[in-house]
Amino acid sequence: MRRRPIIVEQTKQRMTNCLDIMEQVGRCEIKEMQRSCETLDPALPDSCRELSTHVKTVEALVISSHRVVAYTAVQFEDPKAAADLWREYMLFCEDALNCLRNAKEKFPYCAAVNAYDVTLDYWESAKERFHENSQDAEWQSKTPSTLSPGQSGKP
């Protein structure tokens, strides 16, 4: 069953809007985690519990955003558009990693250590996909439009 082009475009737009919202929510959560890390006292047991709540929320957003970006990226025919999605996701992960690095240094026995490692894994996955899509876009730009994939251009 072939999907109609207009439906595909509407789906891409909805997914892109969803990603924008997830990024905004994620950045707010990162700011909340940073604020907690700066104001909480590592010597108090409740501080670790409170910080861990923010850390787990950011980690969940990193994971769920990765899934949405992966789904959305494969919907685009243009590999540059997919690479752009992965670049934006990488920037989001970098912001989370910076905050988590501070949190794990100040609260070494809280959830930030594991969340940092998980976020780093997702960032590395995104980096790989970004490079793959960027290479595909570069290849596509150098391939004459008269050739279809699989043709060498030789007579």
Foldseek 3Di string as FASTA:
>chain_A
DDDDPVVLVVVLVVLVVVLVVLLVVLVVLLVVLLVLLVPDALVDPVSLVVSLVSLVVNLVSLVVSLVSLVVSLVSDPQLLVSLVSLVVSLVSLVSSLVSLVSNCVRNVPHPSVVSNVSSVVSSVVSVVSSVVSVVVNVVVVPDPPVDDPPDPPDD
